[in-house]
PDB file of N, CA and C in Angstrom:
ATOM      1  N   MET A   1       0.628  -1.271   0.025  1.00  0.00           N
ATOM      2  CA  MET A   1       0.155  -0.124  -0.041  1.00  0.00           C
ATOM      3  C   MET A   1       0.987   1.595   0.109  1.00  0.00           C
ATOM      4  N   SER A   2       0.546   1.778  -0.854  1.00  0.00           N
ATOM      5  CA  SER A   2       1.083   3.593  -1.206  1.00  0.00           C
ATOM      6  C   SER A   2       0.769   4.578   0.014  1.00  0.00           C
ATOM      7  N   THR A   3       2.379   5.421   0.539  1.00  0.00           N
ATOM      8  CA  THR A   3       2.084   6.312   1.863  1.00  0.00           C
ATOM      9  C   THR A   3       1.340   7.634   0.892  1.00  0.00           C
ATOM     10  N   GLY A   4       1.618   7.737  -0.973  1.00  0.00           N
ATOM     11  CA  GLY A   4       1.567   8.813  -1.136  1.00  0.00           C
ATOM     12  C   GLY A   4       2.722   9.288  -1.375  1.00  0.00           C
ATOM     13  N   ALA A   5       3.107  10.352  -1.878  1.00  0.00           N
ATOM     14  CA  ALA A   5       4.105  10.642  -2.904  1.00  0.00           C
ATOM     15  C   ALA A   5       4.695  11.919  -1.234  1.00  0.00           C
ATOM     16  N   GLY A   6       3.763  12.701  -1.336  1.00  0.00           N
ATOM     17  CA  GLY A   6       3.835  13.640  -0.417  1.00  0.00           C
ATOM     18  C   GLY A   6       4.250  13.175   1.481  1.00  0.00           C
ATOM     19  N   ILE A   7       3.886  12.505   1.800  1.00  0.00           N
ATOM     20  CA  ILE A   7       4.048  11.877   2.790  1.00  0.00           C
ATOM     21  C   ILE A   7       5.603  11.485   3.243  1.00  0.00           C
ATOM     22  N   SER A   8       6.035  10.660   2.275  1.00  0.00           N
ATOM     23  CA  SER A   8       7.252  10.144   2.508  1.00  0.00           C
ATOM     24  C   SER A   8       8.672  11.607   3.258  1.00  0.00           C
ATOM     25  N   SER A   9       8.018  12.747   2.037  1.00  0.00           N
ATOM     26  CA  SER A   9       8.851  13.939   2.522  1.00  0.00           C
ATOM     27  C   SER A   9       8.915  14.554   3.626  1.00  0.00           C
ATOM     28  N   ILE A  10       7.680  14.384   4.636  1.00  0.00           N
ATOM     29  CA  ILE A  10       7.674  14.568   5.711  1.00  0.00           C
ATOM     30  C   ILE A  10       9.037  13.666   6.846  1.00  0.00           C
ATOM     31  N   SER A  11       9.795  14.941   7.746  1.00  0.00           N
ATOM     32  CA  SER A  11       9.910  14.805   8.333  1.00  0.00           C
ATOM     33  C   SER A  11       9.876  14.667   9.670  1.00  0.00           C
ATOM     34  N   ALA A  12       9.731  13.647  10.815  1.00  0.00           N
ATOM     35  CA  ALA A  12       9.247  14.509  12.208  1.00  0.00           C
ATOM     36  C   ALA A  12      10.387  15.472  12.802  1.00  0.00           C
ATOM     37  N   THR A  13      11.176  15.627  12.480  1.00  0.00           N
ATOM     38  CA  THR A  13      12.564  16.836  12.946  1.00  0.00           C
ATOM     39  C   THR A  13      12.423  17.950  12.463  1.00  0.00           C
ATOM     40  N   THR A  14      11.507  17.647  10.940  1.00  0.00           N
ATOM     41  CA  THR A  14      11.033  18.908  10.509  1.00  0.00           C
ATOM     42  C   THR A  14       9.255  19.738  11.419  1.00  0.00           C
ATOM     43  N   LEU A  15       9.308  18.645  11.923  1.00  0.00           N
ATOM     44  CA  LEU A  15       7.868  19.213  12.848  1.00  0.00           C
ATOM     45  C   LEU A  15       7.300  19.513  14.017  1.00  0.00           C
ATOM     46  N   ILE A  16       8.767  18.332  14.518  1.00  0.00           N
ATOM     47  CA  ILE A  16       8.330  18.653  16.068  1.00  0.00           C
ATOM     48  C   ILE A  16       9.438  19.586  16.073  1.00  0.00           C
ATOM     49  N   GLN A  17       8.870  20.765  17.047  1.00  0.00           N
ATOM     50  CA  GLN A  17       9.452  22.108  18.088  1.00  0.00           C
ATOM     51  C   GLN A  17       9.804  21.161  19.197  1.00  0.00           C
ATOM     52  N   GLU A  18       9.957  21.122  20.348  1.00  0.00           N
ATOM     53  CA  GLU A  18      10.058  20.700  21.242  1.00  0.00           C
ATOM     54  C   GLU A  18       8.911  19.430  22.137  1.00  0.00           C
ATOM     55  N   ALA A  19      10.064  19.209  22.738  1.00  0.00           N
ATOM     56  CA  ALA A  19       9.217  17.838  23.650  1.00  0.00           C
ATOM     57  C   ALA A  19       9.603  17.528  25.304  1.00  0.00           C
ATOM     58  N   TRP A  20       8.573  16.883  25.803  1.00  0.00           N
ATOM     59  CA  TRP A  20       8.758  16.626  27.244  1.00  0.00           C
ATOM     60  C   TRP A  20       8.768  15.333  27.579  1.00  0.00           C
ATOM     61  N   SER A  21       9.075  14.954  28.379  1.00  0.00           N
ATOM     62  CA  SER A  21       8.542  13.656  29.636  1.00  0.00           C
ATOM     63  C   SER A  21       9.076  13.197  30.820  1.00  0.00           C
ATOM     64  N   PHE A  22       8.131  13.132  31.504  1.00  0.00           N
ATOM     65  CA  PHE A  22       7.077  13.268  32.460  1.00  0.00           C
ATOM     66  C   PHE A  22       6.835  11.905  33.465  1.00  0.00           C
ATOM     67  N   ALA A  23       7.880  11.145  34.571  1.00  0.00           N
ATOM     68  CA  ALA A  23       7.506  10.116  34.664  1.00  0.00           C
ATOM     69  C   ALA A  23       7.408  10.172  36.565  1.00  0.00           C
ATOM     70  N   ALA A  24       5.888   9.736  36.726  1.00  0.00           N
ATOM     71  CA  ALA A  24       5.320   9.883  37.805  1.00  0.00           C
ATOM     72  C   ALA A  24       5.977   9.251  38.557  1.00  0.00           C
ATOM     73  N   PRO A  25       6.958   9.600  40.347  1.00  0.00           N
ATOM     74  CA  PRO A  25       7.423   8.756  41.259  1.00  0.00           C
ATOM     75  C   PRO A  25       6.786   7.770  42.212  1.00  0.00           C
ATOM     76  N   PHE A  26       4.871   7.220  41.241  1.00  0.00           N
ATOM     77  CA  PHE A  26       4.285   6.500  41.726  1.00  0.00           C
ATOM     78  C   PHE A  26       3.515   6.234  40.887  1.00  0.00           C
ATOM     79  N   ALA A  27       3.047   4.450  40.793  1.00  0.00           N
ATOM     80  CA  ALA A  27       2.199   3.842  39.634  1.00  0.00           C
ATOM     81  C   ALA A  27       0.874   4.660  40.002  1.00  0.00           C
ATOM     82  N   GLN A  28      -0.087   5.013  40.649  1.00  0.00           N
ATOM     83  CA  GLN A  28      -1.126   5.709  41.145  1.00  0.00           C
ATOM     84  C   GLN A  28      -1.272   6.996  42.243  1.00  0.00           C
ATOM     85  N   PRO A  29      -1.912   7.492  41.541  1.00  0.00           N
ATOM     86  CA  PRO A  29      -2.138   8.976  42.264  1.00  0.00           C
ATOM     87  C   PRO A  29      -1.675   9.379  44.228  1.00  0.00           C
ATOM     88  N   VAL A  30      -1.186   9.235  44.524  1.00  0.00           N
ATOM     89  CA  VAL A  30      -0.479   9.439  46.209  1.00  0.00           C
ATOM     90  C   VAL A  30      -1.483   9.920  46.623  1.00  0.00           C
ATOM     91  N   VAL A  31      -2.631   9.630  47.547  1.00  0.00           N
ATOM     92  CA  VAL A  31      -4.034  10.669  47.931  1.00  0.00           C
ATOM     93  C   VAL A  31      -3.984  11.307  49.402  1.00  0.00           C
ATOM     94  N   THR A  32      -4.378  12.162  49.433  1.00  0.00           N
ATOM     95  CA  THR A  32      -4.386  12.193  51.105  1.00  0.00           C
ATOM     96  C   THR A  32      -5.756  12.441  51.752  1.00  0.00           C
ATOM     97  N   PRO A  33      -5.353  11.853  53.444  1.00  0.00           N
ATOM     98  CA  PRO A  33      -7.375  11.947  53.467  1.00  0.00           C
ATOM     99  C   PRO A  33      -8.351  13.798  52.437  1.00  0.00           C
ATOM    100  N   ALA A  34      -7.633  14.545  52.368  1.00  0.00           N
ATOM    101  CA  ALA A  34      -7.737  15.453  52.352  1.00  0.00           C
ATOM    102  C   ALA A  34      -8.436  15.849  51.100  1.00  0.00           C
ATOM    103  N   PHE A  35      -7.336  15.371  49.649  1.00  0.00           N
ATOM    104  CA  PHE A  35      -7.243  15.152  48.567  1.00  0.00           C
ATOM    105  C   PHE A  35      -9.102  15.519  48.163  1.00  0.00           C
ATOM    106  N   ALA A  36     -10.081  15.169  48.323  1.00  0.00           N
ATOM    107  CA  ALA A  36     -11.172  15.129  47.730  1.00  0.00           C
ATOM    108  C   ALA A  36     -11.575  16.388  47.676  1.00  0.00           C
ATOM    109  N   ARG A  37     -11.623  17.328  48.667  1.00  0.00           N
ATOM    110  CA  ARG A  37     -11.617  18.553  48.450  1.00  0.00           C
ATOM    111  C   ARG A  37     -10.493  19.478  47.819  1.00  0.00           C
ATOM    112  N   THR A  38      -9.236  19.227  46.942  1.00  0.00           N
ATOM    113  CA  THR A  38      -8.454  19.940  46.799  1.00  0.00           C
ATOM    114  C   THR A  38      -7.844  19.160  44.977  1.00  0.00           C
ATOM    115  N   ILE A  39      -8.999  18.580  44.393  1.00  0.00           N
ATOM    116  CA  ILE A  39      -9.340  17.292  43.039  1.00  0.00           C
ATOM    117  C   ILE A  39      -9.278  18.419  42.006  1.00  0.00           C
ATOM    118  N   PRO A  40      -8.054  18.887  41.692  1.00  0.00           N
ATOM    119  CA  PRO A  40      -8.204  19.752  40.624  1.00  0.00           C
ATOM    120  C   PRO A  40      -9.442  19.627  39.134  1.00  0.00           C
ATOM    121  N   GLY A  41      -9.398  21.216  38.783  1.00  0.00           N
ATOM    122  CA  GLY A  41     -10.674  20.578  37.435  1.00  0.00           C
ATOM    123  C   GLY A  41     -10.163  21.105  36.437  1.00  0.00           C
ATOM    124  N   PHE A  42     -11.510  20.881  35.811  1.00  0.00           N
ATOM    125  CA  PHE A  42     -10.137  20.709  33.651  1.00  0.00           C
ATOM    126  C   PHE A  42      -9.548  22.306  33.175  1.00  0.00           C
ATOM    127  N   ASP A  43     -10.536  22.956  33.147  1.00  0.00           N
ATOM    128  CA  ASP A  43      -9.869  24.226  33.334  1.00  0.00           C
ATOM    129  C   ASP A  43      -8.674  24.850  34.287  1.00  0.00           C
ATOM    130  N   THR A  44      -8.131  25.764  32.794  1.00  0.00           N
ATOM    131  CA  THR A  44      -6.104  26.188  32.850  1.00  0.00           C
ATOM    132  C   THR A  44      -6.277  27.569  32.590  1.00  0.00           C
ATOM    133  N   PRO A  45      -5.173  28.029  33.502  1.00  0.00           N
ATOM    134  CA  PRO A  45      -5.590  29.837  33.562  1.00  0.00           C
ATOM    135  C   PRO A  45      -4.726  30.194  31.676  1.00  0.00           C
ATOM    136  N   VAL A  46      -4.748  29.198  31.332  1.00  0.00           N
ATOM    137  CA  VAL A  46      -3.950  28.993  29.262  1.00  0.00           C
ATOM    138  C   VAL A  46      -5.691  29.317  28.724  1.00  0.00           C
ATOM    139  N   PRO A  47      -6.303  30.241  28.031  1.00  0.00           N
ATOM    140  CA  PRO A  47      -7.695  29.877  27.299  1.00  0.00           C
ATOM    141  C   PRO A  47      -6.855  28.776  26.294  1.00  0.00           C
ATOM    142  N   GLY A  48      -8.704  27.847  25.995  1.00  0.00           N
ATOM    143  CA  GLY A  48      -8.617  26.593  26.004  1.00  0.00           C
ATOM    144  C   GLY A  48      -7.228  25.373  25.361  1.00  0.00           C
ATOM    145  N   LEU A  49      -6.710  25.366  27.531  1.00  0.00           N
ATOM    146  CA  LEU A  49      -6.314  24.233  27.319  1.00  0.00           C
ATOM    147  C   LEU A  49      -6.845  23.821  28.770  1.00  0.00           C
ATOM    148  N   TYR A  50      -6.794  22.608  29.021  1.00  0.00           N
ATOM    149  CA  TYR A  50      -7.926  21.536  29.593  1.00  0.00           C
ATOM    150  C   TYR A  50      -6.588  20.696  30.106  1.00  0.00           C
ATOM    151  N   VAL A  51      -7.559  20.178  31.345  1.00  0.00           N
ATOM    152  CA  VAL A  51      -6.352  19.304  32.541  1.00  0.00           C
ATOM    153  C   VAL A  51      -7.446  17.991  32.341  1.00  0.00           C
ATOM    154  N   ALA A  52      -7.227  16.916  32.289  1.00  0.00           N
ATOM    155  CA  ALA A  52      -7.869  15.544  32.126  1.00  0.00           C
ATOM    156  C   ALA A  52      -6.406  14.910  32.900  1.00  0.00           C
ATOM    157  N   ASN A  53      -6.700  14.100  34.237  1.00  0.00           N
ATOM    158  CA  ASN A  53      -5.432  13.377  34.558  1.00  0.00           C
ATOM    159  C   ASN A  53      -5.829  12.322  35.395  1.00  0.00           C
ATOM    160  N   MET A  54      -5.332  11.523  36.041  1.00  0.00           N
ATOM    161  CA  MET A  54      -6.010  10.459  37.055  1.00  0.00           C
ATOM    162  C   MET A  54      -6.104  11.031  38.024  1.00  0.00           C
ATOM    163  N   PHE A  55      -5.499  11.891  38.872  1.00  0.00           N
ATOM    164  CA  PHE A  55      -5.683  12.510  40.088  1.00  0.00           C
ATOM    165  C   PHE A  55      -7.505  13.125  39.978  1.00  0.00           C
ATOM    166  N   GLN A  56      -8.022  13.279  39.088  1.00  0.00           N
ATOM    167  CA  GLN A  56      -9.345  13.625  38.887  1.00  0.00           C
ATOM    168  C   GLN A  56     -10.117  12.516  38.285  1.00  0.00           C
ATOM    169  N   VAL A  57     -10.245  11.189  38.729  1.00  0.00           N
ATOM    170  CA  VAL A  57     -10.246   9.796  38.511  1.00  0.00           C
ATOM    171  C   VAL A  57     -10.823   9.437  40.413  1.00  0.00           C
ATOM    172  N   TYR A  58     -10.338  10.375  41.140  1.00  0.00           N
ATOM    173  CA  TYR A  58     -10.798   9.702  42.415  1.00  0.00           C
ATOM    174  C   TYR A  58     -12.383   9.918  43.381  1.00  0.00           C
ATOM    175  N   PRO A  59     -12.513   8.781  43.685  1.00  0.00           N
ATOM    176  CA  PRO A  59     -11.448   8.007  44.627  1.00  0.00           C
ATOM    177  C   PRO A  59     -11.375   6.516  43.844  1.00  0.00           C
ATOM    178  N   TYR A  60     -11.580   6.069  42.888  1.00  0.00           N
ATOM    179  CA  TYR A  60     -11.211   4.682  41.938  1.00  0.00           C
ATOM    180  C   TYR A  60      -9.797   4.964  41.254  1.00  0.00           C
ATOM    181  N   ASP A  61      -9.382   3.249  42.301  1.00  0.00           N
ATOM    182  CA  ASP A  61      -8.127   2.985  41.162  1.00  0.00           C
ATOM    183  C   ASP A  61      -8.144   3.505  39.467  1.00  0.00           C
ATOM    184  N   ARG A  62      -6.787   3.725  39.277  1.00  0.00           N
ATOM    185  CA  ARG A  62      -6.425   3.480  37.860  1.00  0.00           C
ATOM    186  C   ARG A  62      -7.534   2.582  37.112  1.00  0.00           C
ATOM    187  N   GLY A  63      -8.046   2.639  36.013  1.00  0.00           N
ATOM    188  CA  GLY A  63      -8.613   2.186  34.545  1.00  0.00           C
ATOM    189  C   GLY A  63      -9.064   2.571  33.870  1.00  0.00           C
ATOM    190  N   GLN A  64      -8.855   2.071  32.889  1.00  0.00           N
ATOM    191  CA  GLN A  64      -9.376   1.969  31.343  1.00  0.00           C
ATOM    192  C   GLN A  64     -10.610   2.905  31.458  1.00  0.00           C
ATOM    193  N   ASN A  65     -11.400   1.952  31.928  1.00  0.00           N
ATOM    194  CA  ASN A  65     -13.270   2.524  32.429  1.00  0.00           C
ATOM    195  C   ASN A  65     -13.059   3.391  33.328  1.00  0.00           C
ATOM    196  N   TYR A  66     -12.488   4.025  34.040  1.00  0.00           N
ATOM    197  CA  TYR A  66     -12.068   5.238  35.101  1.00  0.00           C
ATOM    198  C   TYR A  66     -12.333   6.575  33.664  1.00  0.00           C
ATOM    199  N   SER A  67     -11.284   6.535  32.678  1.00  0.00           N
ATOM    200  CA  SER A  67     -10.552   7.336  32.237  1.00  0.00           C
ATOM    201  C   SER A  67     -11.394   7.778  30.997  1.00  0.00           C
ATOM    202  N   ILE A  68     -12.074   7.474  30.228  1.00  0.00           N
ATOM    203  CA  ILE A  68     -12.928   7.186  29.459  1.00  0.00           C
ATOM    204  C   ILE A  68     -14.124   8.125  30.443  1.00  0.00           C
ATOM    205  N   GLU A  69     -14.314   7.530  30.973  1.00  0.00           N
ATOM    206  CA  GLU A  69     -15.574   7.961  32.021  1.00  0.00           C
ATOM    207  C   GLU A  69     -14.627  10.161  32.284  1.00  0.00           C
ATOM    208  N   LEU A  70     -13.729   9.774  33.009  1.00  0.00           N
ATOM    209  CA  LEU A  70     -12.595  11.170  32.621  1.00  0.00           C
ATOM    210  C   LEU A  70     -13.154  11.979  30.825  1.00  0.00           C
ATOM    211  N   ALA A  71     -13.048  11.343  30.256  1.00  0.00           N
ATOM    212  CA  ALA A  71     -12.503  12.057  29.139  1.00  0.00           C
ATOM    213  C   ALA A  71     -14.497  12.494  28.635  1.00  0.00           C
ATOM    214  N   GLU A  72     -15.013  11.734  29.126  1.00  0.00           N
ATOM    215  CA  GLU A  72     -17.121  11.824  28.536  1.00  0.00           C
ATOM    216  C   GLU A  72     -16.998  13.058  29.431  1.00  0.00           C
ATOM    217  N   ARG A  73     -16.417  13.182  30.812  1.00  0.00           N
ATOM    218  CA  ARG A  73     -17.411  14.415  31.778  1.00  0.00           C
ATOM    219  C   ARG A  73     -16.158  15.585  31.411  1.00  0.00           C
ATOM    220  N   LEU A  74     -15.611  15.425  30.491  1.00  0.00           N
ATOM    221  CA  LEU A  74     -14.756  16.809  30.182  1.00  0.00           C
ATOM    222  C   LEU A  74     -15.853  16.956  29.175  1.00  0.00           C
ATOM    223  N   ILE A  75     -15.540  16.562  27.900  1.00  0.00           N
ATOM    224  CA  ILE A  75     -16.284  16.772  27.174  1.00  0.00           C
ATOM    225  C   ILE A  75     -17.442  17.255  27.573  1.00  0.00           C
ATOM    226  N   THR A  76     -18.301  17.063  28.555  1.00  0.00           N
ATOM    227  CA  THR A  76     -19.884  17.308  28.868  1.00  0.00           C
ATOM    228  C   THR A  76     -19.113  18.857  29.305  1.00  0.00           C
ATOM    229  N   HIS A  77     -18.060  18.673  29.360  1.00  0.00           N
ATOM    230  CA  HIS A  77     -17.599  20.338  30.868  1.00  0.00           C
ATOM    231  C   HIS A  77     -17.053  21.183  29.428  1.00  0.00           C
ATOM    232  N   LEU A  78     -16.940  20.832  28.005  1.00  0.00           N
ATOM    233  CA  LEU A  78     -16.630  21.689  27.281  1.00  0.00           C
ATOM    234  C   LEU A  78     -17.929  22.699  26.353  1.00  0.00           C
ATOM    235  N   ALA A  79     -19.003  21.178  26.602  1.00  0.00           N
ATOM    236  CA  ALA A  79     -19.973  21.502  25.679  1.00  0.00           C
ATOM    237  C   ALA A  79     -21.135  22.332  26.440  1.00  0.00           C
ATOM    238  N   ALA A  80     -20.747  22.964  27.701  1.00  0.00           N
ATOM    239  CA  ALA A  80     -21.560  23.536  28.223  1.00  0.00           C
ATOM    240  C   ALA A  80     -20.806  25.527  28.305  1.00  0.00           C
TER     241      ALA A  80
END
């Protein structure tokens, strides 16, 4: 299967301007008893930038189903 003439001329190094790597020190969020009162919201100070991460699925543990539910909550938030 051909990828097309144009696609083979695109180099990832010309498209990528910056890159970051982040590794959490724990496999899942470590929370305190008061964490529920400090769960971050989706909005950030940057217009058009939103945050959705595993800290926001509390009190549940890690899981794809919780990630999907979090994405659905973010979509509802954006649609409002």
